[in-house]
Amino acid sequence: MTIVRKLRQKTGKSLNAFAIEVGIEPATLSLIERGKRPCRRTADKLAAALNAKPEKLFPGYDTLREG
């Protein structure tokens, strides 16, 4: 289980509700929660919504593609 999923579950929000709140597709969030690396913009959105540093959520954050 990824840290993104753990933190999202702590919010008590469903995957669908959280994805909509963040502004990404639920399918995209599902892939990220299963280990797919997001683009930097999506990583930043998730980090802000989870009140976390993107570097903590995504090791190698500085190597994420722009997007």
N, C-alpha and C. Protein backbone atom coordinates (compact mmCIF):
# COMPACT_ATOMS: atom_id res chain seq x y z
N MET A 1 0.85 -1.19 0.00
CA MET A 1 0.00 0.00 0.00
C MET A 1 0.90 1.24 0.00
N THR A 2 0.58 2.19 -0.87
CA THR A 2 1.40 3.39 -0.97
C THR A 2 1.04 4.39 0.12
N ILE A 3 1.94 5.31 0.37
CA ILE A 3 1.69 6.35 1.36
C ILE A 3 0.52 7.23 0.93
N VAL A 4 0.36 7.42 -0.37
CA VAL A 4 -0.78 8.22 -0.86
C VAL A 4 -2.08 7.55 -0.44
N ARG A 5 -2.18 6.26 -0.63
CA ARG A 5 -3.42 5.55 -0.25
C ARG A 5 -3.63 5.62 1.26
N LYS A 6 -2.56 5.40 2.03
CA LYS A 6 -2.70 5.44 3.49
C LYS A 6 -3.20 6.80 3.95
N LEU A 7 -2.60 7.86 3.41
CA LEU A 7 -3.00 9.21 3.83
C LEU A 7 -4.41 9.54 3.35
N ARG A 8 -4.76 9.11 2.14
CA ARG A 8 -6.11 9.35 1.64
C ARG A 8 -7.14 8.64 2.51
N GLN A 9 -6.84 7.41 2.89
CA GLN A 9 -7.77 6.66 3.74
C GLN A 9 -7.93 7.32 5.10
N LYS A 10 -6.87 7.95 5.61
CA LYS A 10 -6.96 8.66 6.88
C LYS A 10 -7.92 9.84 6.80
N THR A 11 -8.10 10.38 5.59
CA THR A 11 -9.04 11.49 5.44
C THR A 11 -10.49 11.01 5.54
N GLY A 12 -10.68 9.71 5.35
CA GLY A 12 -12.02 9.15 5.40
C GLY A 12 -12.78 9.30 4.09
N LYS A 13 -12.09 9.78 3.04
CA LYS A 13 -12.75 9.99 1.76
C LYS A 13 -12.53 8.80 0.84
N SER A 14 -13.55 8.54 0.04
CA SER A 14 -13.41 7.47 -0.96
C SER A 14 -12.43 7.91 -2.03
N LEU A 15 -11.97 6.96 -2.80
CA LEU A 15 -11.07 7.26 -3.89
C LEU A 15 -11.73 8.24 -4.85
N ASN A 16 -12.97 7.99 -5.21
CA ASN A 16 -13.68 8.87 -6.15
C ASN A 16 -13.83 10.28 -5.60
N ALA A 17 -14.27 10.41 -4.38
CA ALA A 17 -14.48 11.72 -3.78
C ALA A 17 -13.16 12.49 -3.67
N PHE A 18 -12.11 11.80 -3.28
CA PHE A 18 -10.82 12.47 -3.12
C PHE A 18 -10.26 12.90 -4.47
N ALA A 19 -10.38 12.05 -5.47
CA ALA A 19 -9.88 12.38 -6.81
C ALA A 19 -10.59 13.63 -7.34
N ILE A 20 -11.89 13.69 -7.17
CA ILE A 20 -12.65 14.85 -7.64
C ILE A 20 -12.21 16.10 -6.89
N GLU A 21 -12.01 15.99 -5.59
CA GLU A 21 -11.56 17.12 -4.79
C GLU A 21 -10.19 17.63 -5.26
N VAL A 22 -9.31 16.70 -5.59
CA VAL A 22 -7.96 17.05 -6.03
C VAL A 22 -7.96 17.59 -7.45
N GLY A 23 -8.92 17.16 -8.25
CA GLY A 23 -9.00 17.61 -9.63
C GLY A 23 -8.34 16.66 -10.62
N ILE A 24 -8.35 15.36 -10.28
CA ILE A 24 -7.82 14.35 -11.18
C ILE A 24 -8.86 13.26 -11.37
N GLU A 25 -8.67 12.45 -12.39
CA GLU A 25 -9.58 11.36 -12.65
C GLU A 25 -9.42 10.26 -11.59
N PRO A 26 -10.52 9.66 -11.15
CA PRO A 26 -10.41 8.55 -10.20
C PRO A 26 -9.50 7.43 -10.71
N ALA A 27 -9.54 7.15 -12.01
CA ALA A 27 -8.68 6.10 -12.56
C ALA A 27 -7.20 6.46 -12.40
N THR A 28 -6.88 7.74 -12.54
CA THR A 28 -5.50 8.20 -12.37
C THR A 28 -5.07 8.01 -10.92
N LEU A 29 -5.92 8.40 -9.99
CA LEU A 29 -5.60 8.22 -8.57
C LEU A 29 -5.42 6.74 -8.25
N SER A 30 -6.26 5.90 -8.80
CA SER A 30 -6.14 4.47 -8.57
C SER A 30 -4.77 3.96 -9.03
N LEU A 31 -4.35 4.39 -10.21
CA LEU A 31 -3.03 3.97 -10.71
C LEU A 31 -1.92 4.46 -9.80
N ILE A 32 -2.01 5.70 -9.36
CA ILE A 32 -0.99 6.26 -8.46
C ILE A 32 -0.96 5.49 -7.15
N GLU A 33 -2.13 5.16 -6.62
CA GLU A 33 -2.19 4.42 -5.37
C GLU A 33 -1.64 3.00 -5.52
N ARG A 34 -1.54 2.53 -6.75
CA ARG A 34 -0.96 1.20 -7.00
C ARG A 34 0.50 1.29 -7.45
N GLY A 35 1.07 2.51 -7.39
CA GLY A 35 2.50 2.63 -7.63
C GLY A 35 2.93 3.36 -8.89
N LYS A 36 1.99 3.78 -9.73
CA LYS A 36 2.38 4.54 -10.93
C LYS A 36 2.87 5.92 -10.51
N ARG A 37 3.95 6.37 -11.15
CA ARG A 37 4.49 7.69 -10.83
C ARG A 37 3.72 8.76 -11.59
N PRO A 38 3.24 9.78 -10.90
CA PRO A 38 2.48 10.84 -11.56
C PRO A 38 3.42 11.88 -12.19
N CYS A 39 2.84 12.80 -12.94
CA CYS A 39 3.61 13.95 -13.37
C CYS A 39 3.76 14.88 -12.17
N ARG A 40 4.65 15.83 -12.28
CA ARG A 40 4.93 16.72 -11.15
C ARG A 40 3.70 17.53 -10.73
N ARG A 41 2.91 18.00 -11.69
CA ARG A 41 1.73 18.80 -11.35
C ARG A 41 0.74 17.98 -10.52
N THR A 42 0.51 16.74 -10.90
CA THR A 42 -0.40 15.87 -10.15
C THR A 42 0.18 15.57 -8.77
N ALA A 43 1.48 15.34 -8.69
CA ALA A 43 2.13 15.09 -7.40
C ALA A 43 1.94 16.29 -6.48
N ASP A 44 2.07 17.49 -7.03
CA ASP A 44 1.88 18.70 -6.24
C ASP A 44 0.45 18.83 -5.74
N LYS A 45 -0.52 18.51 -6.60
CA LYS A 45 -1.94 18.57 -6.20
C LYS A 45 -2.22 17.59 -5.07
N LEU A 46 -1.71 16.38 -5.21
CA LEU A 46 -1.94 15.37 -4.17
C LEU A 46 -1.27 15.78 -2.86
N ALA A 47 -0.06 16.27 -2.95
CA ALA A 47 0.66 16.68 -1.74
C ALA A 47 -0.09 17.80 -1.02
N ALA A 48 -0.58 18.78 -1.77
CA ALA A 48 -1.32 19.87 -1.15
C ALA A 48 -2.59 19.36 -0.48
N ALA A 49 -3.31 18.48 -1.15
CA ALA A 49 -4.57 17.95 -0.60
C ALA A 49 -4.33 17.08 0.63
N LEU A 50 -3.15 16.45 0.69
CA LEU A 50 -2.83 15.57 1.82
C LEU A 50 -1.98 16.27 2.87
N ASN A 51 -1.71 17.56 2.65
CA ASN A 51 -0.91 18.34 3.58
C ASN A 51 0.44 17.67 3.84
N ALA A 52 1.08 17.30 2.76
CA ALA A 52 2.37 16.60 2.85
C ALA A 52 3.32 17.19 1.81
N LYS A 53 4.59 16.94 1.98
CA LYS A 53 5.57 17.38 1.00
C LYS A 53 5.59 16.37 -0.14
N PRO A 54 5.62 16.85 -1.38
CA PRO A 54 5.62 15.91 -2.51
C PRO A 54 6.83 14.98 -2.49
N GLU A 55 7.94 15.44 -1.96
CA GLU A 55 9.14 14.60 -1.87
C GLU A 55 8.93 13.41 -0.95
N LYS A 56 8.06 13.58 0.05
CA LYS A 56 7.77 12.47 0.96
C LYS A 56 6.84 11.45 0.30
N LEU A 57 5.89 11.96 -0.48
CA LEU A 57 4.94 11.07 -1.14
C LEU A 57 5.57 10.31 -2.31
N PHE A 58 6.47 10.99 -3.01
CA PHE A 58 7.04 10.43 -4.23
C PHE A 58 8.56 10.54 -4.22
N PRO A 59 9.24 9.50 -3.72
CA PRO A 59 10.70 9.53 -3.75
C PRO A 59 11.17 9.75 -5.19
N GLY A 60 12.16 10.58 -5.35
CA GLY A 60 12.62 10.93 -6.69
C GLY A 60 11.73 11.98 -7.33
N TYR A 61 11.04 12.75 -6.50
CA TYR A 61 10.13 13.80 -6.98
C TYR A 61 10.80 14.68 -8.04
N ASP A 62 12.06 15.01 -7.83
CA ASP A 62 12.75 15.91 -8.75
C ASP A 62 12.95 15.29 -10.14
N THR A 63 12.73 13.98 -10.27
CA THR A 63 12.87 13.34 -11.58
C THR A 63 11.53 13.13 -12.27
N LEU A 64 10.43 13.52 -11.62
CA LEU A 64 9.11 13.39 -12.24
C LEU A 64 9.03 14.32 -13.45
N ARG A 65 8.33 13.87 -14.45
CA ARG A 65 8.18 14.70 -15.65
C ARG A 65 7.24 15.86 -15.36
N GLU A 66 7.46 16.95 -16.05
CA GLU A 66 6.56 18.10 -15.92
C GLU A 66 5.22 17.72 -16.53
N GLY A 67 4.19 18.37 -16.09
CA GLY A 67 2.90 18.04 -16.70
C GLY A 67 1.76 18.73 -16.08
